[in-house]
Amino acid sequence: MGKVEDEILRLLGEGTPLTLIEISERLGKKPKTVFRSLRKLFEKGKIVSDPRTRTYTLAEDEE
């Protein structure tokens, strides 16, 4: 995994569900960059998203 993916996993590991914008602001990265990394993590089953709240969290087996 790349550096951005590792940073996202660390951030989500704190336990608070976060939106794309919240993640990008906390990491100081552009939303487009963060979205690409989120998509990779989602496809690998590392994170899950809640379509209702538009937030991301770690997948059950990643916690």
Foldseek 3Di string as FASTA:
>chain_A
DDPLLVLVLVVLVVPDWDALVVSCVVVVHDSVVNVVSVVVCVVVQQWDADPVVRTIHGHPVND
